[in-house]
PDB file of N, CA and C in Angstrom:
ATOM      1  N   MET A   1       0.834  -1.168   0.000  1.00  0.00           N
ATOM      2  CA  MET A   1       0.000   0.000   0.000  1.00  0.00           C
ATOM      3  C   MET A   1       0.891   1.248   0.000  1.00  0.00           C
ATOM      4  N   GLN A   2       0.476   2.266  -0.733  1.00  0.00           N
ATOM      5  CA  GLN A   2       1.225   3.506  -0.825  1.00  0.00           C
ATOM      6  C   GLN A   2       0.270   4.689  -0.717  1.00  0.00           C
ATOM      7  N   ILE A   3       0.638   5.656   0.111  1.00  0.00           N
ATOM      8  CA  ILE A   3      -0.132   6.896   0.251  1.00  0.00           C
ATOM      9  C   ILE A   3       0.762   8.040  -0.194  1.00  0.00           C
ATOM     10  N   VAL A   4       0.218   8.950  -1.005  1.00  0.00           N
ATOM     11  CA  VAL A   4       0.954  10.116  -1.475  1.00  0.00           C
ATOM     12  C   VAL A   4       0.313  11.359  -0.884  1.00  0.00           C
ATOM     13  N   GLN A   5       1.142  12.197  -0.265  1.00  0.00           N
ATOM     14  CA  GLN A   5       0.668  13.415   0.382  1.00  0.00           C
ATOM     15  C   GLN A   5       1.375  14.609  -0.254  1.00  0.00           C
ATOM     16  N   LYS A   6       0.625  15.652  -0.598  1.00  0.00           N
ATOM     17  CA  LYS A   6       1.209  16.887  -1.121  1.00  0.00           C
ATOM     18  C   LYS A   6       1.741  17.703   0.051  1.00  0.00           C
ATOM     19  N   ILE A   7       2.996  18.170  -0.060  1.00  0.00           N
ATOM     20  CA  ILE A   7       3.636  18.945   1.001  1.00  0.00           C
ATOM     21  C   ILE A   7       4.396  20.122   0.389  1.00  0.00           C
ATOM     22  N   ARG A   8       4.903  20.989   1.237  1.00  0.00           N
ATOM     23  CA  ARG A   8       5.826  22.029   0.808  1.00  0.00           C
ATOM     24  C   ARG A   8       7.239  21.483   0.975  1.00  0.00           C
ATOM     25  N   CYS A   9       8.073  21.686  -0.033  1.00  0.00           N
ATOM     26  CA  CYS A   9       9.446  21.200   0.000  1.00  0.00           C
ATOM     27  C   CYS A   9      10.214  21.891   1.128  1.00  0.00           C
ATOM     28  N   PRO A  10      10.908  21.118   1.967  1.00  0.00           N
ATOM     29  CA  PRO A  10      11.694  21.734   3.040  1.00  0.00           C
ATOM     30  C   PRO A  10      12.939  22.458   2.527  1.00  0.00           C
ATOM     31  N   ASN A  11      13.297  22.225   1.268  1.00  0.00           N
ATOM     32  CA  ASN A  11      14.484  22.847   0.680  1.00  0.00           C
ATOM     33  C   ASN A  11      14.161  24.174  -0.012  1.00  0.00           C
ATOM     34  N   CYS A  12      13.112  24.198  -0.862  1.00  0.00           N
ATOM     35  CA  CYS A  12      12.831  25.401  -1.655  1.00  0.00           C
ATOM     36  C   CYS A  12      11.440  25.986  -1.429  1.00  0.00           C
ATOM     37  N   GLY A  13      10.544  25.251  -0.783  1.00  0.00           N
ATOM     38  CA  GLY A  13       9.207  25.755  -0.517  1.00  0.00           C
ATOM     39  C   GLY A  13       8.185  25.480  -1.605  1.00  0.00           C
ATOM     40  N   SER A  14       8.608  24.886  -2.716  1.00  0.00           N
ATOM     41  CA  SER A  14       7.679  24.538  -3.795  1.00  0.00           C
ATOM     42  C   SER A  14       6.826  23.337  -3.387  1.00  0.00           C
ATOM     43  N   GLU A  15       5.853  23.007  -4.216  1.00  0.00           N
ATOM     44  CA  GLU A  15       5.003  21.851  -3.932  1.00  0.00           C
ATOM     45  C   GLU A  15       5.776  20.567  -4.198  1.00  0.00           C
ATOM     46  N   GLY A  16       5.824  19.708  -3.204  1.00  0.00           N
ATOM     47  CA  GLY A  16       6.492  18.421  -3.324  1.00  0.00           C
ATOM     48  C   GLY A  16       5.549  17.305  -2.929  1.00  0.00           C
ATOM     49  N   GLU A  17       6.100  16.100  -2.804  1.00  0.00           N
ATOM     50  CA  GLU A  17       5.294  14.930  -2.449  1.00  0.00           C
ATOM     51  C   GLU A  17       5.987  14.122  -1.372  1.00  0.00           C
ATOM     52  N   ARG A  18       5.175  13.512  -0.524  1.00  0.00           N
ATOM     53  CA  ARG A  18       5.677  12.551   0.454  1.00  0.00           C
ATOM     54  C   ARG A  18       4.959  11.239   0.207  1.00  0.00           C
ATOM     55  N   HIS A  19       5.733  10.204  -0.031  1.00  0.00           N
ATOM     56  CA  HIS A  19       5.198   8.872  -0.308  1.00  0.00           C
ATOM     57  C   HIS A  19       5.435   7.986   0.911  1.00  0.00           C
ATOM     58  N   TYR A  20       4.369   7.394   1.425  1.00  0.00           N
ATOM     59  CA  TYR A  20       4.467   6.444   2.527  1.00  0.00           C
ATOM     60  C   TYR A  20       4.380   5.046   1.930  1.00  0.00           C
ATOM     61  N   LEU A  21       5.476   4.285   2.001  1.00  0.00           N
ATOM     62  CA  LEU A  21       5.557   2.948   1.423  1.00  0.00           C
ATOM     63  C   LEU A  21       5.486   1.931   2.565  1.00  0.00           C
ATOM     64  N   TYR A  22       4.297   1.404   2.820  1.00  0.00           N
ATOM     65  CA  TYR A  22       4.076   0.566   3.989  1.00  0.00           C
ATOM     66  C   TYR A  22       4.791  -0.770   3.932  1.00  0.00           C
ATOM     67  N   HIS A  23       4.849  -1.416   2.768  1.00  0.00           N
ATOM     68  CA  HIS A  23       5.468  -2.741   2.677  1.00  0.00           C
ATOM     69  C   HIS A  23       6.958  -2.701   2.975  1.00  0.00           C
ATOM     70  N   SER A  24       7.628  -1.642   2.559  1.00  0.00           N
ATOM     71  CA  SER A  24       9.061  -1.527   2.813  1.00  0.00           C
ATOM     72  C   SER A  24       9.373  -0.659   4.025  1.00  0.00           C
ATOM     73  N   GLN A  25       8.357  -0.116   4.697  1.00  0.00           N
ATOM     74  CA  GLN A  25       8.479   0.727   5.883  1.00  0.00           C
ATOM     75  C   GLN A  25       9.370   1.946   5.616  1.00  0.00           C
ATOM     76  N   LEU A  26       9.142   2.593   4.466  1.00  0.00           N
ATOM     77  CA  LEU A  26       9.920   3.757   4.079  1.00  0.00           C
ATOM     78  C   LEU A  26       9.018   4.953   3.822  1.00  0.00           C
ATOM     79  N   THR A  27       9.578   6.135   4.006  1.00  0.00           N
ATOM     80  CA  THR A  27       8.929   7.381   3.634  1.00  0.00           C
ATOM     81  C   THR A  27       9.864   8.097   2.671  1.00  0.00           C
ATOM     82  N   ARG A  28       9.346   8.458   1.490  1.00  0.00           N
ATOM     83  CA  ARG A  28      10.156   9.152   0.484  1.00  0.00           C
ATOM     84  C   ARG A  28       9.568  10.544   0.268  1.00  0.00           C
ATOM     85  N   THR A  29      10.371  11.576   0.532  1.00  0.00           N
ATOM     86  CA  THR A  29       9.972  12.958   0.321  1.00  0.00           C
ATOM     87  C   THR A  29      10.758  13.480  -0.868  1.00  0.00           C
ATOM     88  N   GLN A  30      10.053  14.058  -1.852  1.00  0.00           N
ATOM     89  CA  GLN A  30      10.741  14.508  -3.060  1.00  0.00           C
ATOM     90  C   GLN A  30      10.117  15.781  -3.601  1.00  0.00           C
ATOM     91  N   CYS A  31      10.947  16.556  -4.322  1.00  0.00           N
ATOM     92  CA  CYS A  31      10.506  17.799  -4.934  1.00  0.00           C
ATOM     93  C   CYS A  31      11.016  17.830  -6.375  1.00  0.00           C
ATOM     94  N   PRO A  32      10.113  17.928  -7.361  1.00  0.00           N
ATOM     95  CA  PRO A  32      10.551  17.974  -8.756  1.00  0.00           C
ATOM     96  C   PRO A  32      11.175  19.321  -9.141  1.00  0.00           C
ATOM     97  N   THR A  33      10.917  20.363  -8.380  1.00  0.00           N
ATOM     98  CA  THR A  33      11.434  21.692  -8.713  1.00  0.00           C
ATOM     99  C   THR A  33      12.925  21.817  -8.417  1.00  0.00           C
ATOM    100  N   CYS A  34      13.351  21.418  -7.216  1.00  0.00           N
ATOM    101  CA  CYS A  34      14.762  21.586  -6.840  1.00  0.00           C
ATOM    102  C   CYS A  34      15.518  20.270  -6.742  1.00  0.00           C
ATOM    103  N   ASP A  35      14.876  19.144  -7.035  1.00  0.00           N
ATOM    104  CA  ASP A  35      15.496  17.820  -7.025  1.00  0.00           C
ATOM    105  C   ASP A  35      15.825  17.329  -5.611  1.00  0.00           C
ATOM    106  N   TYR A  36      15.094  17.804  -4.604  1.00  0.00           N
ATOM    107  CA  TYR A  36      15.277  17.359  -3.220  1.00  0.00           C
ATOM    108  C   TYR A  36      14.776  15.924  -3.080  1.00  0.00           C
ATOM    109  N   LEU A  37      15.491  15.120  -2.298  1.00  0.00           N
ATOM    110  CA  LEU A  37      15.081  13.742  -2.037  1.00  0.00           C
ATOM    111  C   LEU A  37      15.519  13.345  -0.631  1.00  0.00           C
ATOM    112  N   MET A  38      14.617  12.742   0.118  1.00  0.00           N
ATOM    113  CA  MET A  38      14.981  12.146   1.395  1.00  0.00           C
ATOM    114  C   MET A  38      14.169  10.878   1.584  1.00  0.00           C
ATOM    115  N   ILE A  39      14.862   9.788   1.834  1.00  0.00           N
ATOM    116  CA  ILE A  39      14.229   8.499   2.105  1.00  0.00           C
ATOM    117  C   ILE A  39      14.591   8.122   3.528  1.00  0.00           C
ATOM    118  N   SER A  40      13.574   7.852   4.342  1.00  0.00           N
ATOM    119  CA  SER A  40      13.821   7.500   5.742  1.00  0.00           C
ATOM    120  C   SER A  40      12.989   6.291   6.137  1.00  0.00           C
ATOM    121  N   CYS A  41      13.436   5.626   7.185  1.00  0.00           N
ATOM    122  CA  CYS A  41      12.733   4.464   7.721  1.00  0.00           C
ATOM    123  C   CYS A  41      11.563   4.947   8.564  1.00  0.00           C
ATOM    124  N   THR A  42      10.380   4.430   8.301  1.00  0.00           N
ATOM    125  CA  THR A  42       9.181   4.822   9.041  1.00  0.00           C
ATOM    126  C   THR A  42       9.244   4.330  10.487  1.00  0.00           C
ATOM    127  N   ARG A  43       9.840   3.192  10.693  1.00  0.00           N
ATOM    128  CA  ARG A  43       9.882   2.576  12.022  1.00  0.00           C
ATOM    129  C   ARG A  43      10.899   3.251  12.946  1.00  0.00           C
ATOM    130  N   THR A  44      12.122   3.507  12.446  1.00  0.00           N
ATOM    131  CA  THR A  44      13.188   4.049  13.294  1.00  0.00           C
ATOM    132  C   THR A  44      13.416   5.545  13.113  1.00  0.00           C
ATOM    133  N   GLY A  45      12.995   6.097  11.971  1.00  0.00           N
ATOM    134  CA  GLY A  45      13.223   7.507  11.684  1.00  0.00           C
ATOM    135  C   GLY A  45      14.587   7.807  11.107  1.00  0.00           C
ATOM    136  N   ARG A  46      15.407   6.793  10.896  1.00  0.00           N
ATOM    137  CA  ARG A  46      16.752   6.983  10.356  1.00  0.00           C
ATOM    138  C   ARG A  46      16.703   7.331   8.876  1.00  0.00           C
ATOM    139  N   VAL A  47      17.590   8.227   8.482  1.00  0.00           N
ATOM    140  CA  VAL A  47      17.684   8.620   7.076  1.00  0.00           C
ATOM    141  C   VAL A  47      18.496   7.575   6.329  1.00  0.00           C
ATOM    142  N   ILE A  48      17.936   7.065   5.233  1.00  0.00           N
ATOM    143  CA  ILE A  48      18.603   6.049   4.431  1.00  0.00           C
ATOM    144  C   ILE A  48      19.343   6.697   3.267  1.00  0.00           C
ATOM    145  N   GLU A  49      18.706   7.665   2.643  1.00  0.00           N
ATOM    146  CA  GLU A  49      19.326   8.380   1.536  1.00  0.00           C
ATOM    147  C   GLU A  49      18.793   9.807   1.534  1.00  0.00           C
ATOM    148  N   ALA A  50      19.668  10.762   1.219  1.00  0.00           N
ATOM    149  CA  ALA A  50      19.242  12.162   1.174  1.00  0.00           C
ATOM    150  C   ALA A  50      20.056  12.908   0.125  1.00  0.00           C
ATOM    151  N   TYR A  51      19.380  13.803  -0.567  1.00  0.00           N
ATOM    152  CA  TYR A  51      20.019  14.663  -1.552  1.00  0.00           C
ATOM    153  C   TYR A  51      19.279  15.987  -1.542  1.00  0.00           C
ATOM    154  N   ALA A  52      19.997  17.050  -1.204  1.00  0.00           N
ATOM    155  CA  ALA A  52      19.377  18.369  -1.133  1.00  0.00           C
ATOM    156  C   ALA A  52      20.325  19.384  -1.765  1.00  0.00           C
ATOM    157  N   PRO A  53      20.175  19.648  -3.054  1.00  0.00           N
ATOM    158  CA  PRO A  53      21.048  20.616  -3.696  1.00  0.00           C
ATOM    159  C   PRO A  53      20.852  22.014  -3.106  1.00  0.00           C
ATOM    160  N   GLY A  54      21.942  22.694  -2.896  1.00  0.00           N
ATOM    161  CA  GLY A  54      21.853  24.047  -2.340  1.00  0.00           C
ATOM    162  C   GLY A  54      21.983  24.104  -0.834  1.00  0.00           C
ATOM    163  N   ILE A  55      21.938  22.967  -0.140  1.00  0.00           N
ATOM    164  CA  ILE A  55      22.137  22.931   1.303  1.00  0.00           C
ATOM    165  C   ILE A  55      23.529  22.387   1.557  1.00  0.00           C
ATOM    166  N   LEU A  56      24.367  23.178   2.182  1.00  0.00           N
ATOM    167  CA  LEU A  56      25.732  22.758   2.473  1.00  0.00           C
ATOM    168  C   LEU A  56      25.772  21.887   3.714  1.00  0.00           C
ATOM    169  N   ALA A  57      26.531  20.795   3.651  1.00  0.00           N
ATOM    170  CA  ALA A  57      26.676  19.895   4.782  1.00  0.00           C
ATOM    171  C   ALA A  57      27.853  20.336   5.634  1.00  0.00           C
ATOM    172  N   ARG A  58      27.725  20.202   6.937  1.00  0.00           N
ATOM    173  CA  ARG A  58      28.833  20.512   7.847  1.00  0.00           C
ATOM    174  C   ARG A  58      29.901  19.437   7.716  1.00  0.00           C
ATOM    175  N   ARG A  59      31.147  19.851   7.914  1.00  0.00           N
ATOM    176  CA  ARG A  59      32.251  18.871   7.863  1.00  0.00           C
ATOM    177  C   ARG A  59      32.907  18.759   9.207  1.00  0.00           C
TER     178      ARG A  59
END
């Protein structure tokens, strides 16, 4: 089962989508405008994959 929710992108503020993938226990948040992507585990909250152009990572 999959549920798709319309959200505001946390990176650019444009309209994005959040997909809840129950069988794999994942949540995928994506934005077609700025190419933002974050995949996290629904059960633990851990980030599995993330890509946010324009946001600098601390070193």
